[in-house]
C-alpha atoms as a PDB file:
ATOM      1  CA  MET A   1      -8.366 -42.449  30.374  1.00  0.00           C
ATOM      2  CA  VAL A   2     -10.094 -44.297  27.506  1.00  0.00           C
ATOM      3  CA  ILE A   3      -9.727 -48.068  27.100  1.00  0.00           C
ATOM      4  CA  TYR A   4     -10.885 -49.689  23.863  1.00  0.00           C
ATOM      5  CA  LEU A   5     -12.470 -53.160  23.996  1.00  0.00           C
ATOM      6  CA  GLU A   6     -14.164 -55.139  21.251  1.00  0.00           C
ATOM      7  CA  LYS A   7     -17.513 -53.460  20.479  1.00  0.00           C
ATOM      8  CA  ARG A   8     -17.279 -51.239  23.580  1.00  0.00           C
ATOM      9  CA  VAL A   9     -15.359 -48.186  24.715  1.00  0.00           C
ATOM     10  CA  ILE A  10     -14.612 -47.606  28.392  1.00  0.00           C
ATOM     11  CA  TYR A  11     -14.258 -44.047  29.688  1.00  0.00           C
ATOM     12  CA  GLU A  12     -12.592 -43.634  33.072  1.00  0.00           C
ATOM     13  CA  GLN A  13     -12.565 -40.738  35.521  1.00  0.00           C
ATOM     14  CA  PRO A  14     -10.452 -40.844  38.719  1.00  0.00           C
ATOM     15  CA  LEU A  15     -11.923 -39.149  41.769  1.00  0.00           C
ATOM     16  CA  ASN A  16      -8.711 -38.580  43.724  1.00  0.00           C
ATOM     17  CA  GLU A  17      -5.145 -37.538  42.988  1.00  0.00           C
ATOM     18  CA  ARG A  18      -3.634 -40.942  43.758  1.00  0.00           C
ATOM     19  CA  VAL A  19      -5.711 -42.794  41.158  1.00  0.00           C
ATOM     20  CA  ARG A  20      -5.195 -39.922  38.715  1.00  0.00           C
ATOM     21  CA  SER A  21      -1.427 -40.414  38.951  1.00  0.00           C
ATOM     22  CA  PHE A  22      -1.808 -44.177  38.624  1.00  0.00           C
ATOM     23  CA  LEU A  23      -3.833 -43.851  35.412  1.00  0.00           C
ATOM     24  CA  ARG A  24      -1.403 -41.352  33.916  1.00  0.00           C
ATOM     25  CA  LEU A  25       1.511 -43.660  34.659  1.00  0.00           C
ATOM     26  CA  GLU A  26      -0.331 -46.657  33.181  1.00  0.00           C
ATOM     27  CA  HIS A  27      -0.985 -44.577  30.049  1.00  0.00           C
ATOM     28  CA  LEU A  28       2.731 -43.775  29.695  1.00  0.00           C
ATOM     29  CA  PHE A  29       3.751 -47.406  30.196  1.00  0.00           C
ATOM     30  CA  ASN A  30       1.258 -48.559  27.549  1.00  0.00           C
ATOM     31  CA  ILE A  31       2.684 -46.192  24.938  1.00  0.00           C
ATOM     32  CA  ALA A  32       6.312 -46.985  25.817  1.00  0.00           C
ATOM     33  CA  ASP A  33       5.609 -50.735  25.685  1.00  0.00           C
ATOM     34  CA  HIS A  34       4.027 -50.362  22.252  1.00  0.00           C
ATOM     35  CA  HIS A  35       7.052 -48.625  20.734  1.00  0.00           C
ATOM     36  CA  LEU A  36       9.877 -50.281  22.656  1.00  0.00           C
ATOM     37  CA  PRO A  37       9.997 -53.613  20.724  1.00  0.00           C
ATOM     38  CA  GLN A  38       9.639 -51.974  17.303  1.00  0.00           C
ATOM     39  CA  ASP A  39      12.661 -51.776  15.003  1.00  0.00           C
ATOM     40  CA  SER A  40      12.447 -48.300  13.469  1.00  0.00           C
ATOM     41  CA  GLN A  41      14.476 -45.295  14.654  1.00  0.00           C
ATOM     42  CA  TRP A  42      11.244 -43.363  15.134  1.00  0.00           C
ATOM     43  CA  ASP A  43       9.858 -45.987  17.510  1.00  0.00           C
ATOM     44  CA  SER A  44      13.102 -45.899  19.502  1.00  0.00           C
ATOM     45  CA  ARG A  45      12.850 -42.108  19.714  1.00  0.00           C
ATOM     46  CA  ILE A  46       9.265 -42.292  20.993  1.00  0.00           C
ATOM     47  CA  ALA A  47      10.097 -45.069  23.470  1.00  0.00           C
ATOM     48  CA  ILE A  48      12.880 -42.943  25.000  1.00  0.00           C
ATOM     49  CA  SER A  49      10.652 -39.862  25.217  1.00  0.00           C
ATOM     50  CA  TYR A  50       8.005 -41.839  27.138  1.00  0.00           C
ATOM     51  CA  LEU A  51      10.560 -43.491  29.420  1.00  0.00           C
ATOM     52  CA  LEU A  52      11.668 -39.951  30.294  1.00  0.00           C
ATOM     53  CA  GLU A  53       8.050 -38.946  30.988  1.00  0.00           C
ATOM     54  CA  ILE A  54       7.676 -41.994  33.257  1.00  0.00           C
ATOM     55  CA  LEU A  55      10.846 -41.000  35.088  1.00  0.00           C
ATOM     56  CA  ASP A  56       9.625 -37.417  35.444  1.00  0.00           C
ATOM     57  CA  LEU A  57       6.228 -38.488  36.827  1.00  0.00           C
ATOM     58  CA  ILE A  58       7.775 -40.900  39.321  1.00  0.00           C
ATOM     59  CA  THR A  59      10.385 -38.344  40.391  1.00  0.00           C
ATOM     60  CA  ARG A  60       7.984 -35.417  40.816  1.00  0.00           C
ATOM     61  CA  SER A  61       5.216 -37.291  42.646  1.00  0.00           C
ATOM     62  CA  ASP A  62       5.145 -39.388  45.795  1.00  0.00           C
ATOM     63  CA  LEU A  63       4.162 -42.318  43.654  1.00  0.00           C
ATOM     64  CA  LYS A  64       6.214 -45.017  45.353  1.00  0.00           C
ATOM     65  CA  SER A  65       4.658 -44.132  48.709  1.00  0.00           C
ATOM     66  CA  ASP A  66       1.168 -44.064  47.141  1.00  0.00           C
ATOM     67  CA  LEU A  67       1.710 -47.518  45.642  1.00  0.00           C
ATOM     68  CA  ILE A  68       2.799 -48.871  49.027  1.00  0.00           C
ATOM     69  CA  LYS A  69      -0.359 -47.500  50.673  1.00  0.00           C
ATOM     70  CA  GLU A  70      -2.576 -48.898  47.918  1.00  0.00           C
ATOM     71  CA  LEU A  71      -1.010 -52.367  48.030  1.00  0.00           C
ATOM     72  CA  GLU A  72      -1.160 -52.458  51.838  1.00  0.00           C
ATOM     73  CA  LYS A  73      -4.872 -51.668  51.626  1.00  0.00           C
ATOM     74  CA  HIS A  74      -5.400 -54.473  49.101  1.00  0.00           C
ATOM     75  CA  THR A  75      -3.472 -56.897  51.339  1.00  0.00           C
ATOM     76  CA  ILE A  76      -5.864 -56.189  54.220  1.00  0.00           C
ATOM     77  CA  THR A  77      -8.857 -56.741  51.933  1.00  0.00           C
ATOM     78  CA  LEU A  78      -7.477 -60.024  50.608  1.00  0.00           C
ATOM     79  CA  ASP A  79      -6.556 -61.310  54.072  1.00  0.00           C
ATOM     80  CA  VAL A  80     -10.235 -61.164  55.013  1.00  0.00           C
ATOM     81  CA  LEU A  81     -11.042 -63.538  52.128  1.00  0.00           C
ATOM     82  CA  LYS A  82      -8.942 -66.310  53.689  1.00  0.00           C
ATOM     83  CA  ASN A  83     -11.944 -67.184  55.855  1.00  0.00           C
ATOM     84  CA  ASN A  84     -14.250 -67.561  52.858  1.00  0.00           C
ATOM     85  CA  PRO A  85     -14.616 -71.267  51.888  1.00  0.00           C
ATOM     86  CA  ASN A  86     -15.697 -70.316  48.346  1.00  0.00           C
ATOM     87  CA  VAL A  87     -12.376 -68.652  47.539  1.00  0.00           C
ATOM     88  CA  ASP A  88      -9.571 -70.377  45.635  1.00  0.00           C
ATOM     89  CA  HIS A  89      -7.038 -70.260  48.475  1.00  0.00           C
ATOM     90  CA  GLN A  90      -4.067 -71.271  46.328  1.00  0.00           C
ATOM     91  CA  ARG A  91      -4.788 -68.426  43.933  1.00  0.00           C
ATOM     92  CA  LEU A  92      -5.357 -66.040  46.839  1.00  0.00           C
ATOM     93  CA  ASN A  93      -2.064 -67.002  48.489  1.00  0.00           C
ATOM     94  CA  ASP A  94      -0.207 -66.556  45.190  1.00  0.00           C
ATOM     95  CA  ILE A  95      -1.622 -63.033  44.782  1.00  0.00           C
ATOM     96  CA  LEU A  96      -0.789 -62.124  48.383  1.00  0.00           C
ATOM     97  CA  SER A  97       2.730 -63.483  47.952  1.00  0.00           C
ATOM     98  CA  ASN A  98       3.247 -61.361  44.820  1.00  0.00           C
ATOM     99  CA  ILE A  99       1.930 -58.240  46.534  1.00  0.00           C
ATOM    100  CA  ASN A 100       4.177 -58.799  49.564  1.00  0.00           C
ATOM    101  CA  ASP A 101       7.194 -59.248  47.283  1.00  0.00           C
ATOM    102  CA  TYR A 102       6.410 -55.938  45.593  1.00  0.00           C
ATOM    103  CA  LEU A 103       5.913 -54.250  48.959  1.00  0.00           C
ATOM    104  CA  ASN A 104       9.272 -55.490  50.228  1.00  0.00           C
ATOM    105  CA  THR A 105      10.999 -54.044  47.161  1.00  0.00           C
ATOM    106  CA  LEU A 106       9.107 -50.742  47.267  1.00  0.00           C
ATOM    107  CA  ARG A 107       9.887 -50.278  50.980  1.00  0.00           C
ATOM    108  CA  ASP A 108      13.603 -50.864  50.455  1.00  0.00           C
ATOM    109  CA  SER A 109      15.379 -47.509  50.785  1.00  0.00           C
ATOM    110  CA  GLU A 110      17.905 -48.628  48.150  1.00  0.00           C
ATOM    111  CA  PHE A 111      15.181 -49.131  45.549  1.00  0.00           C
ATOM    112  CA  GLN A 112      15.268 -45.979  43.432  1.00  0.00           C
ATOM    113  CA  PRO A 113      13.416 -46.561  40.136  1.00  0.00           C
ATOM    114  CA  GLY A 114      14.970 -44.879  37.124  1.00  0.00           C
ATOM    115  CA  GLN A 115      18.590 -44.842  38.294  1.00  0.00           C
ATOM    116  CA  SER A 116      19.854 -46.445  35.085  1.00  0.00           C
ATOM    117  CA  LEU A 117      18.225 -43.604  33.117  1.00  0.00           C
ATOM    118  CA  LYS A 118      19.494 -40.913  35.480  1.00  0.00           C
ATOM    119  CA  ASN A 119      23.058 -42.216  35.341  1.00  0.00           C
ATOM    120  CA  ASP A 120      23.234 -42.646  31.574  1.00  0.00           C
ATOM    121  CA  GLU A 121      25.173 -39.933  29.735  1.00  0.00           C
ATOM    122  CA  LEU A 122      23.277 -40.331  26.458  1.00  0.00           C
ATOM    123  CA  ILE A 123      19.890 -40.141  28.189  1.00  0.00           C
ATOM    124  CA  THR A 124      21.021 -37.093  30.170  1.00  0.00           C
ATOM    125  CA  SER A 125      21.941 -35.263  26.961  1.00  0.00           C
ATOM    126  CA  ILE A 126      18.581 -36.191  25.380  1.00  0.00           C
ATOM    127  CA  LYS A 127      16.639 -35.097  28.470  1.00  0.00           C
ATOM    128  CA  GLN A 128      18.249 -31.654  28.361  1.00  0.00           C
ATOM    129  CA  ARG A 129      16.917 -31.046  24.843  1.00  0.00           C
ATOM    130  CA  VAL A 130      13.753 -33.142  24.494  1.00  0.00           C
ATOM    131  CA  SER A 131      11.469 -30.304  25.672  1.00  0.00           C
ATOM    132  CA  ILE A 132      12.825 -27.973  22.957  1.00  0.00           C
ATOM    133  CA  PRO A 133      10.832 -28.140  19.683  1.00  0.00           C
ATOM    134  CA  GLY A 134      13.087 -30.006  17.264  1.00  0.00           C
ATOM    135  CA  GLY A 135      15.765 -30.096  19.942  1.00  0.00           C
ATOM    136  CA  THR A 136      16.881 -33.674  19.265  1.00  0.00           C
ATOM    137  CA  CYS A 137      17.908 -33.131  15.631  1.00  0.00           C
ATOM    138  CA  ASN A 138      21.019 -34.959  14.456  1.00  0.00           C
ATOM    139  CA  PHE A 139      23.139 -31.776  14.528  1.00  0.00           C
ATOM    140  CA  ASP A 140      22.068 -31.079  18.135  1.00  0.00           C
ATOM    141  CA  LEU A 141      22.749 -34.603  19.397  1.00  0.00           C
ATOM    142  CA  PRO A 142      25.203 -36.461  17.133  1.00  0.00           C
ATOM    143  CA  ALA A 143      25.681 -39.162  19.810  1.00  0.00           C
ATOM    144  CA  PHE A 144      21.914 -39.817  19.743  1.00  0.00           C
ATOM    145  CA  HIS A 145      21.972 -39.865  15.930  1.00  0.00           C
ATOM    146  CA  HIS A 146      24.772 -42.438  16.077  1.00  0.00           C
ATOM    147  CA  TRP A 147      22.849 -44.579  18.599  1.00  0.00           C
ATOM    148  CA  LEU A 148      19.700 -44.491  16.456  1.00  0.00           C
ATOM    149  CA  HIS A 149      21.666 -45.973  13.531  1.00  0.00           C
ATOM    150  CA  LYS A 150      22.813 -48.977  15.549  1.00  0.00           C
ATOM    151  CA  PRO A 151      21.165 -52.354  14.787  1.00  0.00           C
ATOM    152  CA  ALA A 152      17.639 -52.712  16.137  1.00  0.00           C
ATOM    153  CA  GLN A 153      18.629 -55.469  18.583  1.00  0.00           C
ATOM    154  CA  SER A 154      21.315 -53.266  20.102  1.00  0.00           C
ATOM    155  CA  ARG A 155      18.782 -50.486  20.644  1.00  0.00           C
ATOM    156  CA  HIS A 156      16.285 -52.985  22.089  1.00  0.00           C
ATOM    157  CA  ASP A 157      18.891 -54.165  24.590  1.00  0.00           C
ATOM    158  CA  ASP A 158      19.552 -50.606  25.760  1.00  0.00           C
ATOM    159  CA  LEU A 159      15.847 -49.746  25.961  1.00  0.00           C
ATOM    160  CA  ASN A 160      15.055 -52.897  27.942  1.00  0.00           C
ATOM    161  CA  ASN A 161      17.939 -52.159  30.298  1.00  0.00           C
ATOM    162  CA  TRP A 162      16.689 -48.599  30.888  1.00  0.00           C
ATOM    163  CA  LYS A 163      13.153 -49.830  31.505  1.00  0.00           C
ATOM    164  CA  GLN A 164      14.224 -52.630  33.860  1.00  0.00           C
ATOM    165  CA  ASP A 165      14.284 -50.238  36.830  1.00  0.00           C
ATOM    166  CA  PHE A 166      10.584 -49.515  36.321  1.00  0.00           C
ATOM    167  CA  LEU A 167       9.323 -53.121  36.214  1.00  0.00           C
ATOM    168  CA  VAL A 168       8.448 -53.360  39.920  1.00  0.00           C
ATOM    169  CA  ILE A 169       6.578 -50.049  39.675  1.00  0.00           C
ATOM    170  CA  GLN A 170       4.721 -51.192  36.553  1.00  0.00           C
ATOM    171  CA  GLU A 171       3.794 -54.612  37.926  1.00  0.00           C
ATOM    172  CA  SER A 172       2.693 -53.141  41.272  1.00  0.00           C
ATOM    173  CA  LEU A 173       0.624 -50.570  39.415  1.00  0.00           C
ATOM    174  CA  THR A 174      -0.987 -53.281  37.274  1.00  0.00           C
ATOM    175  CA  ILE A 175      -2.122 -55.240  40.349  1.00  0.00           C
ATOM    176  CA  ALA A 176      -3.378 -52.120  42.155  1.00  0.00           C
ATOM    177  CA  LEU A 177      -5.455 -50.953  39.170  1.00  0.00           C
ATOM    178  CA  LEU A 178      -6.747 -54.447  38.388  1.00  0.00           C
ATOM    179  CA  MET A 179      -8.089 -54.829  41.921  1.00  0.00           C
ATOM    180  CA  LEU A 180      -9.558 -51.326  41.856  1.00  0.00           C
ATOM    181  CA  ARG A 181     -11.321 -51.881  38.531  1.00  0.00           C
ATOM    182  CA  ASN A 182     -12.735 -55.189  39.746  1.00  0.00           C
ATOM    183  CA  SER A 183     -14.128 -53.698  42.969  1.00  0.00           C
ATOM    184  CA  THR A 184     -17.505 -52.853  41.501  1.00  0.00           C
ATOM    185  CA  THR A 185     -20.953 -54.196  40.681  1.00  0.00           C
ATOM    186  CA  PRO A 186     -21.861 -53.096  37.130  1.00  0.00           C
ATOM    187  CA  VAL A 187     -25.288 -51.491  36.678  1.00  0.00           C
ATOM    188  CA  ILE A 188     -27.213 -50.290  33.642  1.00  0.00           C
ATOM    189  CA  GLU A 189     -28.250 -46.649  33.985  1.00  0.00           C
ATOM    190  CA  ASN A 190     -30.126 -44.155  31.854  1.00  0.00           C
ATOM    191  CA  ALA A 191     -29.161 -40.516  31.381  1.00  0.00           C
ATOM    192  CA  GLU A 192     -32.263 -38.459  30.577  1.00  0.00           C
ATOM    193  CA  SER A 193     -31.451 -35.676  28.117  1.00  0.00           C
ATOM    194  CA  GLY A 194     -27.829 -36.765  28.344  1.00  0.00           C
ATOM    195  CA  PHE A 195     -27.507 -35.982  32.060  1.00  0.00           C
ATOM    196  CA  TYR A 196     -26.829 -38.318  34.997  1.00  0.00           C
ATOM    197  CA  GLN A 197     -25.916 -37.569  38.612  1.00  0.00           C
ATOM    198  CA  GLN A 198     -25.335 -39.865  41.579  1.00  0.00           C
ATOM    199  CA  PRO A 199     -24.386 -39.231  45.212  1.00  0.00           C
ATOM    200  CA  ILE A 200     -21.295 -40.909  46.639  1.00  0.00           C
ATOM    201  CA  GLU A 201     -21.724 -42.837  49.865  1.00  0.00           C
ATOM    202  CA  SER A 202     -19.413 -41.539  52.585  1.00  0.00           C
ATOM    203  CA  LYS A 203     -18.842 -45.050  53.977  1.00  0.00           C
ATOM    204  CA  LEU A 204     -17.875 -46.427  50.550  1.00  0.00           C
ATOM    205  CA  PRO A 205     -15.973 -43.636  48.811  1.00  0.00           C
ATOM    206  CA  CYS A 206     -15.725 -44.157  45.085  1.00  0.00           C
ATOM    207  CA  GLN A 207     -12.210 -43.848  43.657  1.00  0.00           C
ATOM    208  CA  LEU A 208     -12.865 -44.443  39.968  1.00  0.00           C
ATOM    209  CA  ILE A 209     -15.858 -44.026  37.646  1.00  0.00           C
ATOM    210  CA  ARG A 210     -16.035 -46.196  34.526  1.00  0.00           C
ATOM    211  CA  VAL A 211     -18.618 -45.714  31.775  1.00  0.00           C
ATOM    212  CA  PHE A 212     -19.110 -48.393  29.095  1.00  0.00           C
ATOM    213  CA  LEU A 213     -20.628 -47.443  25.729  1.00  0.00           C
ATOM    214  CA  PRO A 214     -20.940 -49.257  22.377  1.00  0.00           C
ATOM    215  CA  ASP A 215     -18.106 -48.397  20.025  1.00  0.00           C
ATOM    216  CA  ASP A 216     -20.575 -47.078  17.437  1.00  0.00           C
ATOM    217  CA  CYS A 217     -22.257 -44.747  19.935  1.00  0.00           C
ATOM    218  CA  ASN A 218     -22.666 -41.121  18.821  1.00  0.00           C
ATOM    219  CA  TYR A 219     -22.021 -39.787  22.329  1.00  0.00           C
ATOM    220  CA  PHE A 220     -19.089 -39.542  24.703  1.00  0.00           C
ATOM    221  CA  PRO A 221     -19.266 -38.796  28.446  1.00  0.00           C
ATOM    222  CA  GLU A 222     -17.765 -35.846  30.270  1.00  0.00           C
ATOM    223  CA  ILE A 223     -17.418 -37.035  33.868  1.00  0.00           C
ATOM    224  CA  SER A 224     -16.818 -34.771  36.852  1.00  0.00           C
ATOM    225  CA  GLY A 225     -16.853 -35.668  40.501  1.00  0.00           C
ATOM    226  CA  GLY A 226     -16.211 -34.486  44.007  1.00  0.00           C
ATOM    227  CA  LYS A 227     -16.419 -35.793  47.534  1.00  0.00           C
ATOM    228  CA  HIS A 228     -20.217 -36.076  47.648  1.00  0.00           C
ATOM    229  CA  ARG A 229     -21.433 -36.744  44.076  1.00  0.00           C
ATOM    230  CA  PHE A 230     -20.425 -37.267  40.489  1.00  0.00           C
ATOM    231  CA  THR A 231     -22.019 -36.056  37.267  1.00  0.00           C
ATOM    232  CA  ILE A 232     -21.984 -37.466  33.741  1.00  0.00           C
ATOM    233  CA  ARG A 233     -22.926 -35.385  30.708  1.00  0.00           C
ATOM    234  CA  PHE A 234     -23.178 -37.150  27.371  1.00  0.00           C
ATOM    235  CA  MET A 235     -21.885 -34.975  24.575  1.00  0.00           C
ATOM    236  CA  GLU A 236     -22.231 -34.935  20.796  1.00  0.00           C
ATOM    237  CA  GLN A 237     -19.719 -33.468  18.357  1.00  0.00           C
ATOM    238  CA  SER A 238     -20.751 -33.355  14.717  1.00  0.00           C
ATOM    239  CA  SER A 239     -17.191 -32.665  13.552  1.00  0.00           C
ATOM    240  CA  THR A 240     -13.787 -31.973  15.117  1.00  0.00           C
ATOM    241  CA  SER A 241     -14.123 -28.292  14.165  1.00  0.00           C
ATOM    242  CA  SER A 242     -17.347 -27.821  16.134  1.00  0.00           C
ATOM    243  CA  ARG A 243     -17.802 -27.492  19.880  1.00  0.00           C
ATOM    244  CA  PRO A 244     -19.298 -30.530  21.695  1.00  0.00           C
ATOM    245  CA  VAL A 245     -22.833 -30.041  23.032  1.00  0.00           C
ATOM    246  CA  GLN A 246     -24.875 -32.067  25.509  1.00  0.00           C
ATOM    247  CA  THR A 247     -27.319 -34.372  23.744  1.00  0.00           C
ATOM    248  CA  ASP A 248     -31.066 -34.127  24.254  1.00  0.00           C
ATOM    249  CA  ASP A 249     -31.415 -37.899  23.883  1.00  0.00           C
ATOM    250  CA  ALA A 250     -31.767 -40.460  26.646  1.00  0.00           C
ATOM    251  CA  VAL A 251     -28.550 -42.467  26.819  1.00  0.00           C
ATOM    252  CA  GLU A 252     -28.338 -45.981  28.241  1.00  0.00           C
ATOM    253  CA  PHE A 253     -24.902 -46.935  29.557  1.00  0.00           C
ATOM    254  CA  GLU A 254     -23.124 -49.353  31.861  1.00  0.00           C
ATOM    255  CA  LEU A 255     -21.748 -47.770  35.031  1.00  0.00           C
ATOM    256  CA  HIS A 256     -18.967 -49.037  37.280  1.00  0.00           C
ATOM    257  CA  CYS A 257     -18.260 -47.256  40.584  1.00  0.00           C
ATOM    258  CA  CYS A 258     -14.960 -48.716  41.825  1.00  0.00           C
ATOM    259  CA  ILE A 259     -14.711 -48.412  45.593  1.00  0.00           C
ATOM    260  CA  LEU A 260     -11.747 -50.490  46.786  1.00  0.00           C
END
């Protein structure tokens, strides 16, 4: 995943399947949230397509269980901080309270995110055709065409209702990824001839690699990793029609190894 910040670009590489799923889901939520409040028919179309992708990812993966495990792990870590006199205990207790509320909801057997989408007749008809190229044309789905011509506020109300089921998942995900991204000590590293490699400590397994580069940098990183080490190759691409190649230059970058 790539996150754009002022004057810097952050490249992220997950090192396990759980974090990979989390980042994909965050990516889908970000796109859906961008289009959902917009007024045009095209934004409403895109918002629905990404809500369906979110539903598909949650349904096909064991994501709810993974979120529970991740939040439980963070709760244990935060509990230890209660004995630290330098910690803002009110803030810590508020965070722990929020996490426990999310855990209680996620553990509830009756909590099934996406039910409002699954039980909606219009959404069901769209889902059956959305994977077909051009399959949601007005002559294929006249009910969808009719819905798209409703006032923007009416469409917003429906979209917000369909997304409501996902809010606990999204908010839990936000906390889990925030804590993961903050569990690091940034270091400045140098990649000679565009190549960098680092072993991963077995006692502190890294879950997420983050590379920070200036936004005007001519290079981008290709990050790969396994159980014992990770590798970063800095690539150059003179144009979109040419194949990227590893640079011969030394590249200075900021590295975050997130271990929580």
